[in-house]
Amino acid sequence: MELTEVALVAQGKIKKVFIAGIMAILFLSGCSVKEKKYFESGKILLDEGNYAEAVEAFDKAIGVHGSKNIRGLEIDILRYRAEAEYKAGDYKAAEHTYKLLISADEERREYIDMLTIIYTNLSNVDMDIDITDAIEMYNKAESLDDRSELHINAGIAIVKYYEDMYEKNADSSYLDKAEEFLEKQLKETDRKNAKVFAVYAKHMSKREDYDKALEAVDEGIALLENKDLVSSDEETMKSLMFSKGSCYEYMGEYDKALECFNAYIDKYGEDDTVSHEVAFLNSRIR
């Protein structure tokens, strides 16, 4: 074969490779566009509270990608899908997605905290999961020096589980376990988290230890005073102020209780619950 023919054959091969490369790029670009389209659609549905539909959109986005290698945008899609599954109440699906994220995106504390919360929801529902699995996840996040708000919420979820079990079974050992876990949280946070104090105050009131409950209220309020409060802080302050009034009411100190509830109304306005308390107290004081 002459040199000219060799050159032409080589050029033909190069042209085919070039065209194949261009087609591959165009195909991947098309997939990328579809993937992002489904992803954005899923985020909108999630924001609107259409959780099941959001999961479907995120699944389509993952399906377009079609690779076993999870990276980049796919990790973001999975994170949103996990949130949608959790909010839809599909805890088993959310568990699966968070485990996928842990395998692909390392053991990030937020994933472990969410598994803690998910396991509290699955306890007594899923035969393969109980509250010890949730506690194991919580301790794992704690070992990673987790001090996030999500971690606090994960611990509170465990406390709520024990309190709910007490309500269902009238077994005071569940209250003991809840109190033990709250003491653990107070220690872990160096007694510097008002939300933990708010939950602790309610718990001690449930146990009719009103002096301890009031101590927790005062410590919690002190942490929030002279601070610019975000919405979550305001909810904590409301809980603390209401608990303070309730404690004095249960202790029979009606004047102090009424003063507390009036302070609550001055700050947050009146609602049915606090109105009922004020009406009751006024009837007692008269």
Protein backbone atom coordinates (compact mmCIF):
# COMPACT_ATOMS: atom_id res chain seq x y z
CA MET A 1 0.00 0.00 0.00
CA GLU A 2 1.38 3.37 -0.97
CA LEU A 3 2.03 6.10 1.55
CA THR A 4 -0.89 8.17 0.26
CA GLU A 5 -3.30 5.27 0.76
CA VAL A 6 -1.91 4.62 4.27
CA ALA A 7 -2.42 8.27 5.14
CA LEU A 8 -5.99 8.20 3.87
CA VAL A 9 -6.80 5.06 5.89
CA ALA A 10 -5.25 6.62 9.01
CA GLN A 11 -7.21 9.82 8.46
CA GLY A 12 -10.39 7.76 8.12
CA LYS A 13 -9.73 5.97 11.38
CA ILE A 14 -8.96 9.24 13.14
CA LYS A 15 -12.16 10.74 11.75
CA LYS A 16 -14.21 7.78 13.03
CA VAL A 17 -12.62 8.02 16.47
CA PHE A 18 -13.23 11.78 16.50
CA ILE A 19 -16.88 11.36 15.50
CA ALA A 20 -17.35 8.61 18.10
CA GLY A 21 -15.83 10.90 20.73
CA ILE A 22 -18.12 13.77 19.75
CA MET A 23 -21.15 11.47 19.86
CA ALA A 24 -20.15 10.22 23.31
CA ILE A 25 -19.76 13.77 24.58
CA LEU A 26 -23.14 14.74 23.13
CA PHE A 27 -24.73 11.66 24.67
CA LEU A 28 -23.21 12.35 28.08
CA SER A 29 -24.17 16.00 27.82
CA GLY A 30 -27.74 14.97 27.06
CA CYS A 31 -27.73 12.62 30.06
CA SER A 32 -26.29 15.36 32.23
CA VAL A 33 -29.03 17.78 31.16
CA LYS A 34 -31.74 15.20 31.91
CA GLU A 35 -30.12 14.32 35.20
CA LYS A 36 -30.06 17.96 36.31
CA LYS A 37 -33.60 18.50 35.05
CA TYR A 38 -34.98 15.64 37.17
CA PHE A 39 -32.83 16.76 40.11
CA GLU A 40 -34.16 20.33 40.02
CA SER A 41 -37.70 19.06 39.60
CA GLY A 42 -37.24 16.84 42.65
CA LYS A 43 -35.97 19.74 44.75
CA ILE A 44 -39.03 21.83 43.85
CA LEU A 45 -41.36 18.96 44.76
CA LEU A 46 -39.49 18.48 48.05
CA ASP A 47 -39.87 22.16 48.93
CA GLU A 48 -43.58 21.93 48.13
CA GLY A 49 -43.99 18.97 50.47
CA ASN A 50 -44.71 16.47 47.67
CA TYR A 51 -42.28 13.94 49.09
CA ALA A 52 -43.30 10.79 47.21
CA GLU A 53 -43.20 12.64 43.89
CA ALA A 54 -39.83 14.12 44.83
CA VAL A 55 -38.43 10.63 45.44
CA GLU A 56 -39.62 9.56 41.99
CA ALA A 57 -37.89 12.55 40.38
CA PHE A 58 -34.63 11.84 42.22
CA ASP A 59 -34.85 8.18 41.20
CA LYS A 60 -35.17 9.25 37.55
CA ALA A 61 -32.12 11.49 37.94
CA ILE A 62 -30.12 8.58 39.34
CA GLY A 63 -31.48 6.29 36.60
CA VAL A 64 -30.23 8.62 33.86
CA HIS A 65 -26.75 8.47 35.34
CA GLY A 66 -26.87 4.67 35.30
CA SER A 67 -23.46 4.12 36.89
CA LYS A 68 -22.50 2.13 39.95
CA ASN A 69 -19.89 4.78 40.75
CA ILE A 70 -21.59 7.38 42.94
CA ARG A 71 -19.86 10.73 42.90
CA GLY A 72 -20.38 14.46 42.52
CA LEU A 73 -23.93 15.32 41.52
CA GLU A 74 -25.14 11.80 42.28
CA ILE A 75 -24.18 12.25 45.95
CA ASP A 76 -26.19 15.47 46.07
CA ILE A 77 -29.16 13.70 44.48
CA LEU A 78 -28.97 10.88 47.01
CA ARG A 79 -28.83 13.34 49.90
CA TYR A 80 -32.01 15.02 48.71
CA ARG A 81 -33.64 11.66 48.03
CA ALA A 82 -32.84 10.49 51.56
CA GLU A 83 -34.45 13.64 52.97
CA ALA A 84 -37.56 13.15 50.83
CA GLU A 85 -37.85 9.49 51.83
CA TYR A 86 -37.54 10.39 55.50
CA LYS A 87 -40.14 13.14 55.28
CA ALA A 88 -42.45 10.80 53.39
CA GLY A 89 -42.23 8.42 56.35
CA ASP A 90 -40.51 5.72 54.30
CA TYR A 91 -37.85 5.07 56.92
CA LYS A 92 -36.57 1.81 55.44
CA ALA A 93 -35.91 3.50 52.10
CA ALA A 94 -34.23 6.42 53.87
CA GLU A 95 -32.08 3.99 55.85
CA HIS A 96 -30.95 2.34 52.61
CA THR A 97 -30.09 5.68 51.00
CA TYR A 98 -28.13 6.95 53.99
CA LYS A 99 -26.15 3.71 54.04
CA LEU A 100 -25.39 4.23 50.34
CA LEU A 101 -24.19 7.74 51.15
CA ILE A 102 -21.95 6.46 53.94
CA SER A 103 -20.37 3.94 51.56
CA ALA A 104 -19.83 6.56 48.84
CA ASP A 105 -19.21 9.77 50.80
CA GLU A 106 -17.45 8.53 53.93
CA GLU A 107 -19.03 8.40 57.36
CA ARG A 108 -20.21 11.98 57.59
CA ARG A 109 -21.75 12.83 60.94
CA GLU A 110 -25.01 14.09 59.45
CA TYR A 111 -25.66 10.68 57.88
CA ILE A 112 -25.02 8.91 61.18
CA ASP A 113 -27.28 11.34 63.05
CA MET A 114 -30.07 10.76 60.56
CA LEU A 115 -29.69 7.00 60.94
CA THR A 116 -30.03 7.50 64.70
CA ILE A 117 -33.34 9.30 64.20
CA ILE A 118 -34.51 6.74 61.63
CA TYR A 119 -33.73 3.82 63.95
CA THR A 120 -35.77 5.39 66.76
CA ASN A 121 -38.71 5.48 64.33
CA LEU A 122 -38.16 1.89 63.25
CA SER A 123 -37.79 0.51 66.79
CA ASN A 124 -40.72 -1.76 67.67
CA VAL A 125 -41.81 -1.56 64.02
CA ASP A 126 -38.97 -3.36 62.24
CA MET A 127 -38.06 -6.74 63.75
CA ASP A 128 -34.41 -6.26 62.78
CA ILE A 129 -34.00 -2.90 64.55
CA ASP A 130 -34.37 -1.75 68.15
CA ILE A 131 -33.39 1.27 70.21
CA THR A 132 -29.89 -0.10 70.86
CA ASP A 133 -29.16 0.39 67.15
CA ALA A 134 -30.12 4.05 67.46
CA ILE A 135 -27.95 4.47 70.55
CA GLU A 136 -25.04 2.80 68.77
CA MET A 137 -25.34 5.31 65.91
CA TYR A 138 -25.63 8.21 68.36
CA ASN A 139 -22.47 7.12 70.20
CA LYS A 140 -20.66 6.72 66.88
CA ALA A 141 -21.45 10.33 65.96
CA GLU A 142 -20.47 11.43 69.46
CA SER A 143 -17.09 9.72 69.05
CA LEU A 144 -16.56 11.94 65.99
CA ASP A 145 -16.95 14.99 68.27
CA ASP A 146 -20.37 15.80 66.84
CA ARG A 147 -21.93 18.89 68.47
CA SER A 148 -24.35 19.84 65.72
CA GLU A 149 -28.00 20.73 66.19
CA LEU A 150 -28.89 17.58 64.25
CA HIS A 151 -26.93 15.52 66.77
CA ILE A 152 -28.82 17.16 69.63
CA ASN A 153 -32.10 16.33 67.85
CA ALA A 154 -30.93 12.73 67.39
CA GLY A 155 -30.37 12.41 71.13
CA ILE A 156 -33.73 14.01 71.89
CA ALA A 157 -35.38 11.48 69.54
CA ILE A 158 -34.01 8.68 71.75
CA VAL A 159 -35.35 10.43 74.87
CA LYS A 160 -38.76 10.80 73.23
CA TYR A 161 -38.74 7.11 72.34
CA TYR A 162 -38.29 6.16 76.00
CA GLU A 163 -40.97 8.60 77.13
CA ASP A 164 -43.39 7.27 74.52
CA MET A 165 -42.68 3.74 75.70
CA TYR A 166 -43.47 4.83 79.25
CA GLU A 167 -46.81 6.26 78.10
CA LYS A 168 -47.66 2.99 76.35
CA ASN A 169 -46.49 0.60 79.05
CA ALA A 170 -46.65 2.59 82.32
CA ASP A 171 -43.21 1.19 83.12
CA SER A 172 -41.14 3.74 85.05
CA SER A 173 -37.89 2.09 83.94
CA TYR A 174 -38.40 3.83 80.59
CA LEU A 175 -38.45 7.20 82.39
CA ASP A 176 -35.22 6.19 84.15
CA LYS A 177 -33.60 5.47 80.79
CA ALA A 178 -34.84 8.78 79.36
CA GLU A 179 -33.45 10.67 82.34
CA GLU A 180 -30.14 8.83 82.11
CA PHE A 181 -29.84 9.76 78.45
CA LEU A 182 -30.71 13.41 79.14
CA GLU A 183 -28.04 13.54 81.85
CA LYS A 184 -25.63 12.19 79.23
CA GLN A 185 -26.64 14.96 76.82
CA LEU A 186 -26.22 17.66 79.46
CA LYS A 187 -22.71 16.37 80.13
CA GLU A 188 -21.81 16.10 76.45
CA THR A 189 -22.94 19.69 75.81
CA ASP A 190 -21.24 21.02 78.96
CA ARG A 191 -24.70 22.22 80.05
CA LYS A 192 -24.57 24.85 77.32
CA ASN A 193 -27.47 23.83 75.09
CA ALA A 194 -30.82 25.43 75.93
CA LYS A 195 -32.82 22.90 73.91
CA VAL A 196 -31.54 20.03 76.04
CA PHE A 197 -32.52 21.99 79.16
CA ALA A 198 -36.01 22.54 77.73
CA VAL A 199 -36.50 18.81 77.16
CA TYR A 200 -34.96 18.03 80.56
CA ALA A 201 -37.33 20.48 82.29
CA LYS A 202 -40.37 18.82 80.69
CA HIS A 203 -39.04 15.41 81.64
CA MET A 204 -38.45 16.33 85.28
CA SER A 205 -41.90 17.88 85.44
CA LYS A 206 -43.29 14.56 84.16
CA ARG A 207 -41.46 12.93 87.06
CA GLU A 208 -42.96 15.55 89.42
CA ASP A 209 -39.51 16.81 90.42
CA TYR A 210 -40.47 20.44 89.97
CA ASP A 211 -37.44 21.88 91.76
CA LYS A 212 -35.09 20.19 89.29
CA ALA A 213 -37.34 21.20 86.41
CA LEU A 214 -37.20 24.86 87.49
CA GLU A 215 -33.42 24.70 87.82
CA ALA A 216 -33.25 23.44 84.22
CA VAL A 217 -35.61 26.20 83.07
CA ASP A 218 -33.48 28.90 84.69
CA GLU A 219 -30.26 27.51 83.20
CA GLY A 220 -31.84 27.26 79.77
CA ILE A 221 -33.27 30.79 79.83
CA ALA A 222 -29.92 32.17 81.01
CA LEU A 223 -28.26 30.67 77.92
CA LEU A 224 -30.74 32.43 75.61
CA GLU A 225 -30.93 35.82 77.31
CA ASN A 226 -29.09 38.69 75.61
CA LYS A 227 -28.75 36.59 72.46
CA ASP A 228 -30.16 37.22 68.99
CA LEU A 229 -32.56 34.30 68.73
CA VAL A 230 -33.20 32.36 65.54
CA SER A 231 -36.55 30.61 65.09
CA SER A 232 -35.38 27.38 66.75
CA ASP A 233 -34.14 29.38 69.76
CA GLU A 234 -37.51 31.10 70.02
CA GLU A 235 -39.28 27.74 70.10
CA THR A 236 -36.92 26.64 72.88
CA MET A 237 -37.56 29.83 74.85
CA LYS A 238 -41.33 29.33 74.49
CA SER A 239 -40.99 25.80 75.83
CA LEU A 240 -38.88 26.96 78.79
CA MET A 241 -41.24 29.79 79.71
CA PHE A 242 -44.29 27.53 79.49
CA SER A 243 -42.58 24.88 81.62
CA LYS A 244 -41.80 27.48 84.26
CA GLY A 245 -45.46 28.47 84.57
CA SER A 246 -46.55 24.83 84.60
CA CYS A 247 -44.11 23.92 87.38
CA TYR A 248 -45.36 26.69 89.65
CA GLU A 249 -48.94 25.68 88.87
CA TYR A 250 -48.30 22.05 89.84
CA MET A 251 -46.55 23.26 93.00
CA GLY A 252 -49.66 25.23 93.94
CA GLU A 253 -47.90 28.60 93.63
CA TYR A 254 -50.65 30.09 91.48
CA ASP A 255 -49.56 33.74 91.67
CA LYS A 256 -46.09 32.88 90.35
CA ALA A 257 -47.59 30.62 87.71
CA LEU A 258 -49.93 33.36 86.50
CA GLU A 259 -47.04 35.81 86.36
CA CYS A 260 -45.07 33.38 84.19
CA PHE A 261 -47.94 32.73 81.79
CA ASN A 262 -48.65 36.46 81.47
CA ALA A 263 -44.98 37.01 80.62
CA TYR A 264 -45.33 34.26 78.01
CA ILE A 265 -48.37 36.01 76.51
CA ASP A 266 -46.58 39.37 76.47
CA LYS A 267 -43.72 37.83 74.48
CA TYR A 268 -45.47 35.33 72.21
CA GLY A 269 -49.15 36.17 72.27
CA GLU A 270 -52.07 34.08 73.45
CA ASP A 271 -53.01 30.60 72.27
CA ASP A 272 -55.62 28.07 73.38
CA THR A 273 -53.29 26.19 75.71
CA VAL A 274 -51.96 29.20 77.61
CA SER A 275 -55.44 30.77 77.70
CA HIS A 276 -56.75 27.64 79.40
CA GLU A 277 -53.95 27.84 81.99
CA VAL A 278 -54.61 31.52 82.71
CA ALA A 279 -58.34 30.91 83.10
CA PHE A 280 -57.68 28.06 85.52
CA LEU A 281 -55.23 30.13 87.58
CA ASN A 282 -57.57 33.11 87.77
CA SER A 283 -60.31 30.82 89.09
CA ARG A 284 -57.95 29.54 91.77
CA ILE A 285 -56.59 32.92 92.84
CA ARG A 286 -60.03 34.44 93.26
